[in-house]
Amino acid sequence: MKKKNRIVAALLALFLGGLGIHKFYLGKVGMGIVYLIFCWTGIPCIISIIEAIIYLTMSDTKFAQKCK
């Protein structure tokens, strides 16, 4: 499995998170589809901003463990 980059995931969550693009990047296709289904509500946008902040403040080792 290819190692995922924490900064790329955070940027995708920040700019395209409302569509769930960061979830697809991380290999969580099911959650990505849920984000796509509910993108019209705006809720995924709010959640993805929070996730971007979490990804940016998380250490690389902790991020690698989370993405397994």
PDB file of N, CA and C in Angstrom:
ATOM      1  N   MET A   1       0.839  -1.175   0.000  1.00  0.00           N
ATOM      2  CA  MET A   1       0.000   0.000   0.000  1.00  0.00           C
ATOM      3  C   MET A   1       0.889   1.246   0.000  1.00  0.00           C
ATOM      4  N   LYS A   2       0.531   2.212  -0.796  1.00  0.00           N
ATOM      5  CA  LYS A   2       1.298   3.435  -0.899  1.00  0.00           C
ATOM      6  C   LYS A   2       1.048   4.316   0.323  1.00  0.00           C
ATOM      7  N   LYS A   3       2.117   4.912   0.848  1.00  0.00           N
ATOM      8  CA  LYS A   3       2.018   5.769   2.016  1.00  0.00           C
ATOM      9  C   LYS A   3       1.298   7.070   1.649  1.00  0.00           C
ATOM     10  N   LYS A   4       0.349   7.467   2.454  1.00  0.00           N
ATOM     11  CA  LYS A   4      -0.416   8.690   2.221  1.00  0.00           C
ATOM     12  C   LYS A   4       0.260   9.861   2.902  1.00  0.00           C
ATOM     13  N   ASN A   5       0.195  11.010   2.270  1.00  0.00           N
ATOM     14  CA  ASN A   5       0.810  12.218   2.788  1.00  0.00           C
ATOM     15  C   ASN A   5      -0.201  12.993   3.629  1.00  0.00           C
ATOM     16  N   ARG A   6       0.195  13.356   4.836  1.00  0.00           N
ATOM     17  CA  ARG A   6      -0.673  14.062   5.777  1.00  0.00           C
ATOM     18  C   ARG A   6      -1.048  15.449   5.255  1.00  0.00           C
ATOM     19  N   ILE A   7      -0.105  16.151   4.662  1.00  0.00           N
ATOM     20  CA  ILE A   7      -0.356  17.508   4.166  1.00  0.00           C
ATOM     21  C   ILE A   7      -1.309  17.477   2.970  1.00  0.00           C
ATOM     22  N   VAL A   8      -1.130  16.514   2.090  1.00  0.00           N
ATOM     23  CA  VAL A   8      -2.036  16.384   0.938  1.00  0.00           C
ATOM     24  C   VAL A   8      -3.451  16.090   1.420  1.00  0.00           C
ATOM     25  N   ALA A   9      -3.585  15.204   2.385  1.00  0.00           N
ATOM     26  CA  ALA A   9      -4.903  14.878   2.927  1.00  0.00           C
ATOM     27  C   ALA A   9      -5.539  16.108   3.563  1.00  0.00           C
ATOM     28  N   ALA A  10      -4.754  16.904   4.276  1.00  0.00           N
ATOM     29  CA  ALA A  10      -5.287  18.110   4.912  1.00  0.00           C
ATOM     30  C   ALA A  10      -5.727  19.133   3.877  1.00  0.00           C
ATOM     31  N   LEU A  11      -4.940  19.317   2.823  1.00  0.00           N
ATOM     32  CA  LEU A  11      -5.309  20.272   1.785  1.00  0.00           C
ATOM     33  C   LEU A  11      -6.551  19.819   1.020  1.00  0.00           C
ATOM     34  N   LEU A  12      -6.635  18.528   0.745  1.00  0.00           N
ATOM     35  CA  LEU A  12      -7.836  18.013   0.079  1.00  0.00           C
ATOM     36  C   LEU A  12      -9.063  18.191   0.966  1.00  0.00           C
ATOM     37  N   ALA A  13      -8.904  17.953   2.259  1.00  0.00           N
ATOM     38  CA  ALA A  13     -10.022  18.137   3.184  1.00  0.00           C
ATOM     39  C   ALA A  13     -10.441  19.598   3.253  1.00  0.00           C
ATOM     40  N   LEU A  14      -9.470  20.493   3.206  1.00  0.00           N
ATOM     41  CA  LEU A  14      -9.764  21.912   3.317  1.00  0.00           C
ATOM     42  C   LEU A  14     -10.458  22.460   2.076  1.00  0.00           C
ATOM     43  N   PHE A  15      -9.962  22.082   0.888  1.00  0.00           N
ATOM     44  CA  PHE A  15     -10.483  22.672  -0.342  1.00  0.00           C
ATOM     45  C   PHE A  15     -11.568  21.842  -1.045  1.00  0.00           C
ATOM     46  N   LEU A  16     -11.503  20.518  -0.937  1.00  0.00           N
ATOM     47  CA  LEU A  16     -12.469  19.663  -1.627  1.00  0.00           C
ATOM     48  C   LEU A  16     -13.175  18.702  -0.666  1.00  0.00           C
ATOM     49  N   GLY A  17     -13.077  18.997   0.613  1.00  0.00           N
ATOM     50  CA  GLY A  17     -13.630  18.106   1.625  1.00  0.00           C
ATOM     51  C   GLY A  17     -15.138  17.979   1.589  1.00  0.00           C
ATOM     52  N   GLY A  18     -15.821  19.007   1.134  1.00  0.00           N
ATOM     53  CA  GLY A  18     -17.278  18.936   1.054  1.00  0.00           C
ATOM     54  C   GLY A  18     -17.764  17.854   0.115  1.00  0.00           C
ATOM     55  N   LEU A  19     -16.905  17.451  -0.800  1.00  0.00           N
ATOM     56  CA  LEU A  19     -17.232  16.369  -1.736  1.00  0.00           C
ATOM     57  C   LEU A  19     -16.631  15.039  -1.307  1.00  0.00           C
ATOM     58  N   GLY A  20     -15.863  15.051  -0.228  1.00  0.00           N
ATOM     59  CA  GLY A  20     -15.287  13.817   0.285  1.00  0.00           C
ATOM     60  C   GLY A  20     -14.041  13.346  -0.426  1.00  0.00           C
ATOM     61  N   ILE A  21     -13.400  14.228  -1.172  1.00  0.00           N
ATOM     62  CA  ILE A  21     -12.225  13.835  -1.953  1.00  0.00           C
ATOM     63  C   ILE A  21     -11.106  13.323  -1.042  1.00  0.00           C
ATOM     64  N   HIS A  22     -10.949  13.919   0.133  1.00  0.00           N
ATOM     65  CA  HIS A  22      -9.899  13.470   1.051  1.00  0.00           C
ATOM     66  C   HIS A  22     -10.158  12.055   1.546  1.00  0.00           C
ATOM     67  N   LYS A  23     -11.425  11.670   1.672  1.00  0.00           N
ATOM     68  CA  LYS A  23     -11.749  10.302   2.096  1.00  0.00           C
ATOM     69  C   LYS A  23     -11.385   9.303   1.010  1.00  0.00           C
ATOM     70  N   PHE A  24     -11.653   9.657  -0.244  1.00  0.00           N
ATOM     71  CA  PHE A  24     -11.250   8.787  -1.346  1.00  0.00           C
ATOM     72  C   PHE A  24      -9.728   8.660  -1.395  1.00  0.00           C
ATOM     73  N   TYR A  25      -9.015   9.765  -1.173  1.00  0.00           N
ATOM     74  CA  TYR A  25      -7.548   9.742  -1.162  1.00  0.00           C
ATOM     75  C   TYR A  25      -7.025   8.814  -0.074  1.00  0.00           C
ATOM     76  N   LEU A  26      -7.675   8.808   1.078  1.00  0.00           N
ATOM     77  CA  LEU A  26      -7.239   7.980   2.198  1.00  0.00           C
ATOM     78  C   LEU A  26      -7.713   6.535   2.084  1.00  0.00           C
ATOM     79  N   GLY A  27      -8.470   6.219   1.035  1.00  0.00           N
ATOM     80  CA  GLY A  27      -8.919   4.850   0.817  1.00  0.00           C
ATOM     81  C   GLY A  27     -10.204   4.504   1.535  1.00  0.00           C
ATOM     82  N   LYS A  28     -10.897   5.491   2.061  1.00  0.00           N
ATOM     83  CA  LYS A  28     -12.164   5.267   2.770  1.00  0.00           C
ATOM     84  C   LYS A  28     -13.309   5.612   1.813  1.00  0.00           C
ATOM     85  N   VAL A  29     -13.522   4.729   0.860  1.00  0.00           N
ATOM     86  CA  VAL A  29     -14.467   4.971  -0.223  1.00  0.00           C
ATOM     87  C   VAL A  29     -15.900   5.103   0.296  1.00  0.00           C
ATOM     88  N   GLY A  30     -16.263   4.281   1.263  1.00  0.00           N
ATOM     89  CA  GLY A  30     -17.616   4.345   1.813  1.00  0.00           C
ATOM     90  C   GLY A  30     -17.933   5.704   2.412  1.00  0.00           C
ATOM     91  N   MET A  31     -17.003   6.231   3.192  1.00  0.00           N
ATOM     92  CA  MET A  31     -17.205   7.561   3.776  1.00  0.00           C
ATOM     93  C   MET A  31     -17.192   8.634   2.693  1.00  0.00           C
ATOM     94  N   GLY A  32     -16.379   8.449   1.659  1.00  0.00           N
ATOM     95  CA  GLY A  32     -16.368   9.399   0.547  1.00  0.00           C
ATOM     96  C   GLY A  32     -17.717   9.469  -0.144  1.00  0.00           C
ATOM     97  N   ILE A  33     -18.347   8.323  -0.315  1.00  0.00           N
ATOM     98  CA  ILE A  33     -19.674   8.294  -0.935  1.00  0.00           C
ATOM     99  C   ILE A  33     -20.708   8.971  -0.036  1.00  0.00           C
ATOM    100  N   VAL A  34     -20.596   8.761   1.277  1.00  0.00           N
ATOM    101  CA  VAL A  34     -21.514   9.431   2.213  1.00  0.00           C
ATOM    102  C   VAL A  34     -21.347  10.941   2.108  1.00  0.00           C
ATOM    103  N   TYR A  35     -20.114  11.415   2.024  1.00  0.00           N
ATOM    104  CA  TYR A  35     -19.868  12.855   1.878  1.00  0.00           C
ATOM    105  C   TYR A  35     -20.487  13.362   0.583  1.00  0.00           C
ATOM    106  N   LEU A  36     -20.356  12.588  -0.514  1.00  0.00           N
ATOM    107  CA  LEU A  36     -20.955  12.991  -1.786  1.00  0.00           C
ATOM    108  C   LEU A  36     -22.467  13.056  -1.718  1.00  0.00           C
ATOM    109  N   ILE A  37     -23.073  12.097  -1.045  1.00  0.00           N
ATOM    110  CA  ILE A  37     -24.533  12.068  -0.947  1.00  0.00           C
ATOM    111  C   ILE A  37     -25.054  13.277  -0.179  1.00  0.00           C
ATOM    112  N   PHE A  38     -24.351  13.674   0.878  1.00  0.00           N
ATOM    113  CA  PHE A  38     -24.819  14.763   1.728  1.00  0.00           C
ATOM    114  C   PHE A  38     -24.132  16.099   1.457  1.00  0.00           C
ATOM    115  N   CYS A  39     -23.417  16.228   0.341  1.00  0.00           N
ATOM    116  CA  CYS A  39     -22.676  17.458   0.074  1.00  0.00           C
ATOM    117  C   CYS A  39     -23.590  18.670  -0.057  1.00  0.00           C
ATOM    118  N   TRP A  40     -24.801  18.486  -0.471  1.00  0.00           N
ATOM    119  CA  TRP A  40     -25.730  19.598  -0.644  1.00  0.00           C
ATOM    120  C   TRP A  40     -26.174  20.203   0.685  1.00  0.00           C
ATOM    121  N   THR A  41     -25.980  19.488   1.803  1.00  0.00           N
ATOM    122  CA  THR A  41     -26.414  20.004   3.107  1.00  0.00           C
ATOM    123  C   THR A  41     -25.402  20.959   3.717  1.00  0.00           C
ATOM    124  N   GLY A  42     -24.148  20.877   3.315  1.00  0.00           N
ATOM    125  CA  GLY A  42     -23.108  21.719   3.898  1.00  0.00           C
ATOM    126  C   GLY A  42     -22.437  21.103   5.110  1.00  0.00           C
ATOM    127  N   ILE A  43     -23.025  20.063   5.651  1.00  0.00           N
ATOM    128  CA  ILE A  43     -22.458  19.412   6.831  1.00  0.00           C
ATOM    129  C   ILE A  43     -21.084  18.808   6.534  1.00  0.00           C
ATOM    130  N   PRO A  44     -20.890  18.126   5.410  1.00  0.00           N
ATOM    131  CA  PRO A  44     -19.551  17.607   5.113  1.00  0.00           C
ATOM    132  C   PRO A  44     -18.485  18.705   5.020  1.00  0.00           C
ATOM    133  N   CYS A  45     -18.870  19.896   4.597  1.00  0.00           N
ATOM    134  CA  CYS A  45     -17.906  21.001   4.527  1.00  0.00           C
ATOM    135  C   CYS A  45     -17.400  21.356   5.912  1.00  0.00           C
ATOM    136  N   ILE A  46     -18.303  21.440   6.860  1.00  0.00           N
ATOM    137  CA  ILE A  46     -17.928  21.780   8.233  1.00  0.00           C
ATOM    138  C   ILE A  46     -17.048  20.685   8.829  1.00  0.00           C
ATOM    139  N   ILE A  47     -17.448  19.446   8.629  1.00  0.00           N
ATOM    140  CA  ILE A  47     -16.687  18.323   9.176  1.00  0.00           C
ATOM    141  C   ILE A  47     -15.303  18.251   8.537  1.00  0.00           C
ATOM    142  N   SER A  48     -15.215  18.502   7.249  1.00  0.00           N
ATOM    143  CA  SER A  48     -13.923  18.405   6.568  1.00  0.00           C
ATOM    144  C   SER A  48     -12.962  19.508   7.005  1.00  0.00           C
ATOM    145  N   ILE A  49     -13.460  20.682   7.351  1.00  0.00           N
ATOM    146  CA  ILE A  49     -12.591  21.739   7.875  1.00  0.00           C
ATOM    147  C   ILE A  49     -11.998  21.302   9.207  1.00  0.00           C
ATOM    148  N   ILE A  50     -12.819  20.695  10.044  1.00  0.00           N
ATOM    149  CA  ILE A  50     -12.337  20.180  11.327  1.00  0.00           C
ATOM    150  C   ILE A  50     -11.317  19.071  11.099  1.00  0.00           C
ATOM    151  N   GLU A  51     -11.595  18.181  10.140  1.00  0.00           N
ATOM    152  CA  GLU A  51     -10.651  17.106   9.828  1.00  0.00           C
ATOM    153  C   GLU A  51      -9.330  17.656   9.297  1.00  0.00           C
ATOM    154  N   ALA A  52      -9.378  18.710   8.499  1.00  0.00           N
ATOM    155  CA  ALA A  52      -8.147  19.311   7.985  1.00  0.00           C
ATOM    156  C   ALA A  52      -7.292  19.840   9.132  1.00  0.00           C
ATOM    157  N   ILE A  53      -7.908  20.469  10.103  1.00  0.00           N
ATOM    158  CA  ILE A  53      -7.174  20.975  11.265  1.00  0.00           C
ATOM    159  C   ILE A  53      -6.575  19.815  12.051  1.00  0.00           C
ATOM    160  N   ILE A  54      -7.343  18.740  12.195  1.00  0.00           N
ATOM    161  CA  ILE A  54      -6.842  17.568  12.911  1.00  0.00           C
ATOM    162  C   ILE A  54      -5.649  16.969  12.177  1.00  0.00           C
ATOM    163  N   TYR A  55      -5.736  16.845  10.856  1.00  0.00           N
ATOM    164  CA  TYR A  55      -4.635  16.289  10.079  1.00  0.00           C
ATOM    165  C   TYR A  55      -3.379  17.156  10.195  1.00  0.00           C
ATOM    166  N   LEU A  56      -3.546  18.468  10.201  1.00  0.00           N
ATOM    167  CA  LEU A  56      -2.394  19.362  10.267  1.00  0.00           C
ATOM    168  C   LEU A  56      -1.724  19.344  11.634  1.00  0.00           C
ATOM    169  N   THR A  57      -2.481  19.094  12.686  1.00  0.00           N
ATOM    170  CA  THR A  57      -1.907  19.087  14.033  1.00  0.00           C
ATOM    171  C   THR A  57      -1.421  17.707  14.461  1.00  0.00           C
ATOM    172  N   MET A  58      -1.745  16.690  13.699  1.00  0.00           N
ATOM    173  CA  MET A  58      -1.388  15.314  14.027  1.00  0.00           C
ATOM    174  C   MET A  58       0.053  15.025  13.592  1.00  0.00           C
ATOM    175  N   SER A  59       0.747  14.189  14.340  1.00  0.00           N
ATOM    176  CA  SER A  59       2.107  13.794  13.949  1.00  0.00           C
ATOM    177  C   SER A  59       2.038  12.816  12.773  1.00  0.00           C
ATOM    178  N   ASP A  60       3.158  12.710  12.067  1.00  0.00           N
ATOM    179  CA  ASP A  60       3.206  11.820  10.905  1.00  0.00           C
ATOM    180  C   ASP A  60       3.014  10.357  11.293  1.00  0.00           C
ATOM    181  N   THR A  61       3.570   9.957  12.422  1.00  0.00           N
ATOM    182  CA  THR A  61       3.432   8.558  12.836  1.00  0.00           C
ATOM    183  C   THR A  61       1.996   8.236  13.228  1.00  0.00           C
ATOM    184  N   LYS A  62       1.358   9.158  13.914  1.00  0.00           N
ATOM    185  CA  LYS A  62      -0.032   8.937  14.307  1.00  0.00           C
ATOM    186  C   LYS A  62      -0.937   8.916  13.072  1.00  0.00           C
ATOM    187  N   PHE A  63      -0.642   9.781  12.088  1.00  0.00           N
ATOM    188  CA  PHE A  63      -1.405   9.797  10.861  1.00  0.00           C
ATOM    189  C   PHE A  63      -1.238   8.496  10.088  1.00  0.00           C
ATOM    190  N   ALA A  64      -0.008   7.974  10.058  1.00  0.00           N
ATOM    191  CA  ALA A  64       0.257   6.707   9.354  1.00  0.00           C
ATOM    192  C   ALA A  64      -0.493   5.555  10.021  1.00  0.00           C
ATOM    193  N   GLN A  65      -0.583   5.578  11.357  1.00  0.00           N
ATOM    194  CA  GLN A  65      -1.325   4.525  12.063  1.00  0.00           C
ATOM    195  C   GLN A  65      -2.811   4.633  11.779  1.00  0.00           C
ATOM    196  N   LYS A  66      -3.320   5.840  11.704  1.00  0.00           N
ATOM    197  CA  LYS A  66      -4.751   6.051  11.468  1.00  0.00           C
ATOM    198  C   LYS A  66      -5.161   5.639  10.059  1.00  0.00           C
ATOM    199  N   CYS A  67      -4.264   5.770   9.109  1.00  0.00           N
ATOM    200  CA  CYS A  67      -4.590   5.501   7.705  1.00  0.00           C
ATOM    201  C   CYS A  67      -4.367   4.052   7.301  1.00  0.00           C
ATOM    202  N   LYS A  68      -4.063   3.173   8.233  1.00  0.00           N
ATOM    203  CA  LYS A  68      -3.864   1.764   7.892  1.00  0.00           C
ATOM    204  C   LYS A  68      -5.164   1.087   7.603  1.00  0.00           C
TER     205      LYS A  68
END
